[in-house]
Amino acid sequence: MQKLYEESVAYHRAHKGKLATASVVEVHNKHDLSLAYTPGVAEPCRVIAAHPEEVYNLTWKGRTVAVISDGSAVLGLGNIGARAAMPVMEGKALLMKEFAGIDSIPLVIDSQNTEEIIRFVEHVAPNFAGINLEDISAPRCFQIEEALQTIGIPVFHDDQHGTAIVVSAALHNAARVVNKPYNSLKVVVVGAGAAGLAISRMLLGLDCNSGSCRYIKGIDAVHDLVVVDRTGTLYAGRENQNVFKQAIAGMSNKSMVTGSLADAIKGADAVIGVSGPNSITPEMVRSMADKSIVFAMANPTPEIMPDEAKEAGAYIVATGRSDFPNQINNVLAFPGVFKAIIDGRLKSITPQMKIAAAQALRDMVQNPTVDFIIPDPFTPHLAEKVAAAILAVQ
């Protein structure tokens, strides 16, 4: 791993990042210049002033999104700040282009004040077709995303919803492999941050806002789910739970399991880790139900290494890493989501759209196996299929 890290630093240093700007038109003479800039450019400005929706057709707004972060919760690195988050945001923009043909701009904010971030996004929104919030710590990420749902363009927090979409797809297919009905599964989620709570909402078939949740009718959901944070299990009435944890606690943990992860995981069919390295032990895996499913998604070091989980009795193991089978990665979801936003000129992303995206990913694996429960990121037309599924339910 150290060699890869060193190679990556040299790679970034050689290119001074991963992105550049490029013109989509050519300027070879005075006429070209007059069309692109003055005096011709005045007319598109007048058209947009008279018909604001024309901004989608006459500028890059119709095909460009923003990747916005404050650097407070960067993939496995924690609160490293705006500048240090830039390589990741550039990477997200690169993946948008590579996997969905979407132009995107990384923007890091030198503030971790919730209201300042909300105002910043509101002010830059006229430039973009959609906003991808990235690597913002919980619970502020929930507050920020909810406050921005009425700005006229979709605001999608990938760490929440992208992760939940892919986990849902993978768990459906894993359930098929172990021959257990999805709606019979008892699931434990390790970690109650952005990803953990979003996964929990989706697997339980919930639509949540702040301190309240409701069941979405007609949605396939797991039988029960227990979320575990640093203090222990979430349950109704527990102290030291923010409103977002309280909302999930009131709709999960039917048996009111209390205690630690070791207590919650006994007899569970599946455990989903979105926490930190080495937080799931072999002893915990051994205490799970027969043909257990282990998604150890912490990066770069999983909650338990795949070989350890297998030796302890796990039947299916997935991680967030590309060097092991069953990589659960947001790149399977967000390019397709933003392609749908651009192609459909969407104003928001609904829970039904997220479910449709998960179903599309699930259905791309016709015959899942122990080592193949989720599509590869390089599956041809993956983003197009996800986008089409989303647009079919708008």
Protein backbone atom coordinates (compact mmCIF):
# COMPACT_ATOMS: atom_id res chain seq x y z
CA MET A 1 0.00 0.00 0.00
CA GLN A 2 2.85 2.42 0.80
CA LYS A 3 4.23 2.04 -2.72
CA LEU A 4 0.83 2.92 -4.17
CA TYR A 5 0.63 6.02 -1.95
CA GLU A 6 4.05 7.19 -3.11
CA GLU A 7 3.15 6.53 -6.74
CA SER A 8 -0.07 8.53 -6.35
CA VAL A 9 1.77 11.55 -4.93
CA ALA A 10 4.20 11.47 -7.87
CA TYR A 11 1.25 11.12 -10.27
CA HIS A 12 -0.51 14.18 -8.83
CA ARG A 13 2.71 16.20 -8.69
CA ALA A 14 3.53 15.46 -12.32
CA HIS A 15 0.14 16.70 -13.54
CA LYS A 16 -0.49 19.37 -10.87
CA GLY A 17 -3.83 17.75 -10.13
CA LYS A 18 -6.18 15.86 -12.42
CA LEU A 19 -8.30 18.49 -14.16
CA ALA A 20 -8.06 21.27 -16.74
CA THR A 21 -10.54 23.47 -18.60
CA ALA A 22 -11.09 23.11 -22.34
CA SER A 23 -13.08 25.16 -24.81
CA VAL A 24 -15.94 23.45 -26.65
CA VAL A 25 -15.72 26.00 -29.48
CA GLU A 26 -12.89 27.22 -31.68
CA VAL A 27 -11.87 30.84 -32.13
CA HIS A 28 -9.85 31.29 -35.32
CA ASN A 29 -10.91 34.69 -36.60
CA LYS A 30 -12.73 37.92 -35.79
CA HIS A 31 -16.14 36.45 -36.60
CA ASP A 32 -15.59 33.58 -34.19
CA LEU A 33 -14.48 36.11 -31.57
CA SER A 34 -17.60 38.20 -32.18
CA LEU A 35 -19.83 35.15 -31.66
CA ALA A 36 -18.08 33.92 -28.54
CA TYR A 37 -17.62 37.32 -26.92
CA THR A 38 -18.43 40.91 -27.78
CA PRO A 39 -20.59 42.05 -29.49
CA GLY A 40 -22.49 38.81 -30.21
CA VAL A 41 -22.53 37.51 -26.63
CA ALA A 42 -24.87 40.33 -25.64
CA GLU A 43 -27.80 38.61 -27.32
CA PRO A 44 -27.62 35.31 -25.33
CA CYS A 45 -27.47 37.50 -22.22
CA ARG A 46 -30.64 39.33 -23.28
CA VAL A 47 -32.38 36.03 -24.08
CA ILE A 48 -31.59 34.63 -20.63
CA ALA A 49 -32.69 37.83 -18.92
CA ALA A 50 -36.07 37.55 -20.67
CA HIS A 51 -36.37 33.75 -20.38
CA PRO A 52 -34.33 32.48 -17.37
CA GLU A 53 -34.72 28.79 -18.27
CA GLU A 54 -32.70 29.45 -21.44
CA VAL A 55 -29.60 29.53 -19.23
CA TYR A 56 -29.70 25.72 -19.47
CA ASN A 57 -29.47 25.90 -23.26
CA LEU A 58 -27.12 28.84 -23.74
CA THR A 59 -24.48 28.22 -21.03
CA TRP A 60 -22.70 25.32 -19.39
CA LYS A 61 -25.32 25.26 -16.61
CA GLY A 62 -27.26 22.65 -18.57
CA ARG A 63 -24.38 20.15 -18.51
CA THR A 64 -22.24 21.01 -15.47
CA VAL A 65 -22.40 20.14 -11.78
CA ALA A 66 -20.42 21.23 -8.73
CA VAL A 67 -18.61 18.93 -6.30
CA ILE A 68 -18.60 20.84 -3.02
CA SER A 69 -16.84 19.96 0.26
CA ASP A 70 -15.57 21.57 3.44
CA GLY A 71 -13.03 18.77 3.98
CA SER A 72 -14.47 17.79 7.35
CA ALA A 73 -14.94 14.06 6.71
CA VAL A 74 -12.64 12.97 3.90
CA LEU A 75 -12.65 9.24 3.04
CA GLY A 76 -10.92 7.60 5.99
CA LEU A 77 -8.79 10.68 6.71
CA GLY A 78 -11.23 12.68 8.81
CA ASN A 79 -11.26 16.45 9.17
CA ILE A 80 -8.28 17.42 7.03
CA GLY A 81 -9.69 20.71 5.80
CA ALA A 82 -10.57 22.26 2.45
CA ARG A 83 -7.13 22.35 0.81
CA ALA A 84 -6.25 18.75 1.67
CA ALA A 85 -9.66 17.63 0.36
CA MET A 86 -8.98 18.99 -3.12
CA PRO A 87 -7.42 15.79 -4.59
CA VAL A 88 -10.56 13.84 -3.67
CA MET A 89 -12.90 16.47 -5.12
CA GLU A 90 -10.85 16.57 -8.32
CA GLY A 91 -11.14 12.79 -8.40
CA LYS A 92 -14.93 12.92 -8.11
CA ALA A 93 -15.05 15.41 -10.99
CA LEU A 94 -12.77 13.17 -13.05
CA LEU A 95 -15.04 10.17 -12.44
CA MET A 96 -18.10 12.20 -13.46
CA LYS A 97 -16.44 12.85 -16.80
CA GLU A 98 -14.99 9.38 -17.33
CA PHE A 99 -18.08 7.37 -16.40
CA ALA A 100 -20.94 9.66 -17.45
CA GLY A 101 -19.48 12.31 -19.74
CA ILE A 102 -20.49 15.03 -17.28
CA ASP A 103 -18.55 18.25 -16.75
CA SER A 104 -18.08 19.13 -13.08
CA ILE A 105 -16.15 21.63 -11.02
CA PRO A 106 -14.59 20.87 -7.59
CA LEU A 107 -15.17 23.65 -5.07
CA VAL A 108 -13.80 23.44 -1.53
CA ILE A 109 -15.06 25.85 1.11
CA ASP A 110 -12.72 27.29 3.73
CA SER A 111 -15.43 27.17 6.36
CA GLN A 112 -17.12 24.47 8.41
CA ASN A 113 -19.93 26.71 9.57
CA THR A 114 -23.25 25.17 8.56
CA GLU A 115 -24.98 28.44 7.68
CA GLU A 116 -22.01 29.72 5.70
CA ILE A 117 -21.91 26.53 3.63
CA ILE A 118 -25.65 26.74 2.96
CA ARG A 119 -25.34 30.35 1.82
CA PHE A 120 -22.33 29.52 -0.37
CA VAL A 121 -24.20 26.76 -2.19
CA GLU A 122 -27.25 28.98 -2.63
CA HIS A 123 -25.08 31.70 -4.19
CA VAL A 124 -23.23 29.44 -6.64
CA ALA A 125 -26.31 27.41 -7.63
CA PRO A 126 -27.11 29.55 -10.73
CA ASN A 127 -23.95 28.16 -12.36
CA PHE A 128 -24.86 24.47 -12.17
CA ALA A 129 -27.46 21.83 -13.05
CA GLY A 130 -26.87 20.02 -9.76
CA ILE A 131 -24.76 19.98 -6.60
CA ASN A 132 -22.83 16.98 -5.27
CA LEU A 133 -22.06 17.53 -1.60
CA GLU A 134 -19.03 15.52 -0.58
CA ASP A 135 -17.11 14.62 2.58
CA ILE A 136 -19.04 16.86 4.99
CA SER A 137 -19.28 15.50 8.53
CA ALA A 138 -22.48 14.43 10.26
CA PRO A 139 -24.80 15.73 11.56
CA ARG A 140 -24.08 18.98 9.69
CA CYS A 141 -24.33 17.20 6.33
CA PHE A 142 -27.98 16.35 7.03
CA GLN A 143 -28.79 19.93 8.02
CA ILE A 144 -27.02 21.36 4.98
CA GLU A 145 -28.63 19.02 2.49
CA GLU A 146 -32.14 19.49 3.89
CA ALA A 147 -31.80 23.28 3.87
CA LEU A 148 -30.85 23.24 0.18
CA GLN A 149 -33.70 21.14 -1.19
CA THR A 150 -35.66 24.17 -2.41
CA ILE A 151 -32.98 26.01 -4.39
CA GLY A 152 -34.30 24.82 -7.75
CA ILE A 153 -31.64 22.22 -8.56
CA PRO A 154 -30.89 18.83 -7.00
CA VAL A 155 -28.52 18.76 -4.04
CA PHE A 156 -27.27 15.21 -3.54
CA HIS A 157 -24.92 14.19 -0.71
CA ASP A 158 -23.03 11.29 -2.25
CA ASP A 159 -21.59 9.95 1.02
CA GLN A 160 -25.18 9.39 2.14
CA HIS A 161 -27.24 8.47 -0.87
CA GLY A 162 -24.63 7.13 -3.28
CA THR A 163 -23.42 4.74 -0.60
CA ALA A 164 -26.96 3.71 0.34
CA ILE A 165 -27.91 3.03 -3.28
CA VAL A 166 -24.95 0.72 -3.86
CA VAL A 167 -25.29 -1.06 -0.50
CA SER A 168 -28.97 -1.72 -1.14
CA ALA A 169 -28.23 -3.23 -4.55
CA ALA A 170 -25.40 -5.39 -3.17
CA LEU A 171 -27.43 -6.61 -0.19
CA HIS A 172 -30.36 -7.63 -2.38
CA ASN A 173 -28.06 -9.75 -4.52
CA ALA A 174 -26.19 -11.14 -1.52
CA ALA A 175 -29.53 -12.26 -0.06
CA ARG A 176 -30.22 -14.15 -3.29
CA VAL A 177 -26.86 -15.91 -3.08
CA VAL A 178 -27.38 -17.05 0.54
CA ASN A 179 -30.98 -17.98 -0.31
CA LYS A 180 -32.59 -15.77 2.33
CA PRO A 181 -35.58 -13.52 1.57
CA TYR A 182 -34.49 -9.89 1.68
CA ASN A 183 -37.41 -9.00 3.96
CA SER A 184 -36.27 -11.62 6.48
CA LEU A 185 -32.80 -10.16 6.99
CA LYS A 186 -31.60 -8.95 10.37
CA VAL A 187 -28.95 -6.32 9.69
CA VAL A 188 -26.45 -4.47 11.86
CA VAL A 189 -24.99 -1.17 10.66
CA VAL A 190 -21.70 -0.15 12.29
CA GLY A 191 -21.38 3.63 12.22
CA ALA A 192 -24.05 6.31 12.62
CA GLY A 193 -22.58 9.05 10.47
CA ALA A 194 -23.73 10.20 7.04
CA ALA A 195 -23.35 6.82 5.34
CA GLY A 196 -24.59 4.71 8.24
CA LEU A 197 -27.84 6.59 8.74
CA ALA A 198 -28.53 6.88 5.00
CA ILE A 199 -27.98 3.14 4.52
CA SER A 200 -30.28 2.44 7.46
CA ARG A 201 -33.01 4.66 6.03
CA MET A 202 -32.85 2.96 2.65
CA LEU A 203 -32.73 -0.62 3.93
CA LEU A 204 -35.70 0.08 6.21
CA GLY A 205 -37.63 1.75 3.36
CA LEU A 206 -37.83 5.13 5.09
CA ASP A 207 -38.16 8.72 3.94
CA CYS A 208 -36.70 10.96 6.65
CA ASN A 209 -36.42 14.65 7.35
CA SER A 210 -34.64 15.93 10.44
CA GLY A 211 -36.30 14.31 13.43
CA SER A 212 -39.03 12.34 11.67
CA CYS A 213 -39.27 9.33 9.34
CA ARG A 214 -42.09 7.60 7.50
CA TYR A 215 -42.30 4.28 5.69
CA ILE A 216 -42.48 4.45 1.89
CA LYS A 217 -45.39 2.34 0.70
CA GLY A 218 -44.64 -0.66 -1.47
CA ILE A 219 -40.90 -0.69 -0.79
CA ASP A 220 -39.05 -3.92 -0.01
CA ALA A 221 -37.36 -3.57 3.37
CA VAL A 222 -35.23 -5.71 5.65
CA HIS A 223 -36.94 -7.33 8.64
CA ASP A 224 -35.00 -5.41 11.27
CA LEU A 225 -31.89 -3.29 11.55
CA VAL A 226 -29.76 -2.18 14.47
CA VAL A 227 -27.41 0.79 14.21
CA VAL A 228 -24.34 0.90 16.45
CA ASP A 229 -22.36 4.07 17.15
CA ARG A 230 -19.39 4.70 19.46
CA THR A 231 -21.67 4.58 22.50
CA GLY A 232 -23.51 1.41 21.55
CA THR A 233 -26.79 0.48 19.89
CA LEU A 234 -29.34 3.10 18.90
CA TYR A 235 -32.76 2.51 20.44
CA ALA A 236 -35.83 4.57 21.21
CA GLY A 237 -35.31 6.62 24.35
CA ARG A 238 -31.52 6.35 24.49
CA GLU A 239 -29.77 9.47 25.70
CA ASN A 240 -27.05 11.27 23.69
CA GLN A 241 -28.71 10.78 20.28
CA ASN A 242 -29.01 13.73 17.91
CA VAL A 243 -32.37 14.18 16.14
CA PHE A 244 -31.19 12.21 13.11
CA LYS A 245 -30.19 9.23 15.24
CA GLN A 246 -33.41 9.53 17.22
CA ALA A 247 -35.48 9.32 14.06
CA ILE A 248 -33.79 6.07 13.01
CA ALA A 249 -33.85 4.68 16.54
CA GLY A 250 -37.63 5.05 16.63
CA MET A 251 -38.05 3.00 13.41
CA SER A 252 -35.45 0.26 13.97
CA ASN A 253 -34.14 -2.15 16.61
CA LYS A 254 -37.50 -3.83 17.16
CA SER A 255 -36.06 -6.05 19.90
CA MET A 256 -34.60 -3.04 21.74
CA VAL A 257 -31.12 -4.57 21.78
CA THR A 258 -28.82 -2.60 24.08
CA GLY A 259 -25.09 -2.78 24.57
CA SER A 260 -22.14 -2.93 22.20
CA LEU A 261 -21.58 -4.15 18.65
CA ALA A 262 -20.71 -7.57 20.06
CA ASP A 263 -24.19 -7.72 21.59
CA ALA A 264 -26.01 -6.44 18.49
CA ILE A 265 -24.27 -8.69 15.96
CA LYS A 266 -25.22 -12.00 17.59
CA GLY A 267 -27.50 -13.89 15.20
CA ALA A 268 -27.46 -11.13 12.57
CA ASP A 269 -27.67 -12.15 8.93
CA ALA A 270 -25.62 -9.19 7.72
CA VAL A 271 -23.31 -6.55 9.11
CA ILE A 272 -22.51 -3.36 7.21
CA GLY A 273 -19.46 -1.45 8.36
CA VAL A 274 -19.11 2.26 7.61
CA SER A 275 -16.98 3.11 10.61
CA GLY A 276 -13.27 2.51 11.02
CA PRO A 277 -10.53 -0.11 10.75
CA ASN A 278 -10.62 -3.34 12.75
CA SER A 279 -13.92 -2.60 14.51
CA ILE A 280 -15.40 -6.02 13.62
CA THR A 281 -13.60 -8.99 15.15
CA PRO A 282 -13.54 -12.64 14.01
CA GLU A 283 -15.38 -13.53 17.22
CA MET A 284 -18.21 -11.21 16.23
CA VAL A 285 -18.48 -12.82 12.79
CA ARG A 286 -18.56 -16.27 14.36
CA SER A 287 -21.56 -15.19 16.44
CA MET A 288 -23.61 -14.25 13.36
CA ALA A 289 -26.26 -16.39 11.66
CA ASP A 290 -25.40 -19.14 9.20
CA LYS A 291 -24.25 -17.91 5.77
CA SER A 292 -23.51 -14.46 7.14
CA ILE A 293 -22.92 -11.41 4.95
CA VAL A 294 -20.14 -8.98 5.88
CA PHE A 295 -19.77 -5.60 4.16
CA ALA A 296 -16.60 -4.07 5.66
CA MET A 297 -16.45 -0.75 3.85
CA ALA A 298 -14.04 1.44 5.82
CA ASN A 299 -11.23 2.77 3.64
CA PRO A 300 -8.41 2.16 3.25
CA THR A 301 -8.45 -0.41 6.08
CA PRO A 302 -11.75 -2.31 6.42
CA GLU A 303 -13.51 -3.09 9.70
CA ILE A 304 -12.25 -6.65 9.18
CA MET A 305 -10.03 -7.97 6.42
CA PRO A 306 -11.78 -10.32 3.98
CA ASP A 307 -9.60 -13.34 4.75
CA GLU A 308 -10.27 -12.96 8.48
CA ALA A 309 -14.01 -12.65 7.91
CA LYS A 310 -14.04 -15.73 5.68
CA GLU A 311 -12.03 -17.76 8.17
CA ALA A 312 -14.52 -16.76 10.86
CA GLY A 313 -17.42 -18.11 8.80
CA ALA A 314 -18.64 -15.23 6.62
CA TYR A 315 -20.21 -16.54 3.43
CA ILE A 316 -20.09 -13.29 1.43
CA VAL A 317 -17.63 -10.48 2.04
CA ALA A 318 -17.54 -7.07 0.38
CA THR A 319 -15.31 -4.05 0.95
CA GLY A 320 -14.85 -0.57 -0.47
CA ARG A 321 -11.55 -1.53 -2.08
CA SER A 322 -10.83 -2.41 -5.68
CA ASP A 323 -8.25 -5.09 -4.81
CA PHE A 324 -10.87 -7.43 -3.29
CA PRO A 325 -14.01 -8.96 -4.82
CA ASN A 326 -17.34 -7.17 -4.40
CA GLN A 327 -16.20 -3.56 -4.30
CA ILE A 328 -19.01 -1.38 -2.93
CA ASN A 329 -18.13 2.03 -4.28
CA ASN A 330 -20.14 5.21 -4.82
CA VAL A 331 -18.80 5.45 -8.36
CA LEU A 332 -21.42 2.87 -9.28
CA ALA A 333 -24.15 5.38 -8.41
CA PHE A 334 -23.29 9.06 -8.59
CA PRO A 335 -22.32 9.35 -12.28
CA GLY A 336 -25.68 7.85 -13.28
CA VAL A 337 -27.56 10.01 -10.77
CA PHE A 338 -26.04 13.20 -12.15
CA LYS A 339 -26.52 12.06 -15.73
CA ALA A 340 -30.23 11.74 -14.91
CA ILE A 341 -30.17 15.21 -13.34
CA ILE A 342 -28.72 16.70 -16.51
CA ASP A 343 -30.65 14.66 -19.08
CA GLY A 344 -33.96 15.16 -17.28
CA ARG A 345 -33.27 18.67 -16.03
CA LEU A 346 -34.43 17.45 -12.62
CA LYS A 347 -35.22 19.77 -9.72
CA SER A 348 -34.70 17.17 -6.98
CA ILE A 349 -33.81 13.53 -6.33
CA THR A 350 -36.63 11.65 -4.62
CA PRO A 351 -36.45 8.46 -2.51
CA GLN A 352 -38.19 6.61 -5.34
CA MET A 353 -35.43 7.67 -7.73
CA LYS A 354 -32.77 6.34 -5.36
CA ILE A 355 -34.63 3.04 -5.09
CA ALA A 356 -34.85 2.85 -8.88
CA ALA A 357 -31.10 3.43 -9.14
CA ALA A 358 -30.46 0.61 -6.67
CA GLN A 359 -32.75 -1.72 -8.59
CA ALA A 360 -30.94 -0.91 -11.83
CA LEU A 361 -27.58 -1.80 -10.29
CA ARG A 362 -28.99 -4.97 -8.77
CA ASP A 363 -30.48 -6.10 -12.06
CA MET A 364 -27.18 -5.66 -13.89
CA VAL A 365 -25.97 -8.79 -12.10
CA GLN A 366 -28.30 -11.45 -13.49
CA ASN A 367 -26.65 -14.38 -11.73
CA PRO A 368 -24.94 -13.16 -8.54
CA THR A 369 -22.31 -15.34 -6.89
CA VAL A 370 -20.28 -15.21 -3.70
CA ASP A 371 -17.65 -13.02 -5.39
CA PHE A 372 -19.96 -11.14 -7.77
CA ILE A 373 -22.90 -9.37 -6.13
CA ILE A 374 -22.46 -5.92 -7.65
CA PRO A 375 -21.44 -4.66 -11.11
CA ASP A 376 -17.91 -3.59 -11.91
CA PRO A 377 -17.49 0.21 -12.29
CA PHE A 378 -16.32 -0.39 -15.86
CA THR A 379 -19.50 -2.23 -16.87
CA PRO A 380 -20.50 -0.82 -20.28
CA HIS A 381 -23.35 1.73 -20.18
CA LEU A 382 -23.65 1.48 -16.39
CA ALA A 383 -24.29 5.21 -15.84
CA GLU A 384 -26.75 5.31 -18.73
CA LYS A 385 -28.77 2.43 -17.25
CA VAL A 386 -28.86 4.03 -13.80
CA ALA A 387 -29.92 7.36 -15.32
CA ALA A 388 -32.63 5.72 -17.40
CA ALA A 389 -34.04 3.96 -14.32
CA ILE A 390 -34.18 7.24 -12.42
CA LEU A 391 -35.84 9.11 -15.27
CA ALA A 392 -38.45 6.37 -15.62
CA VAL A 393 -39.89 7.25 -12.18
CA GLN A 394 -39.59 11.04 -12.23
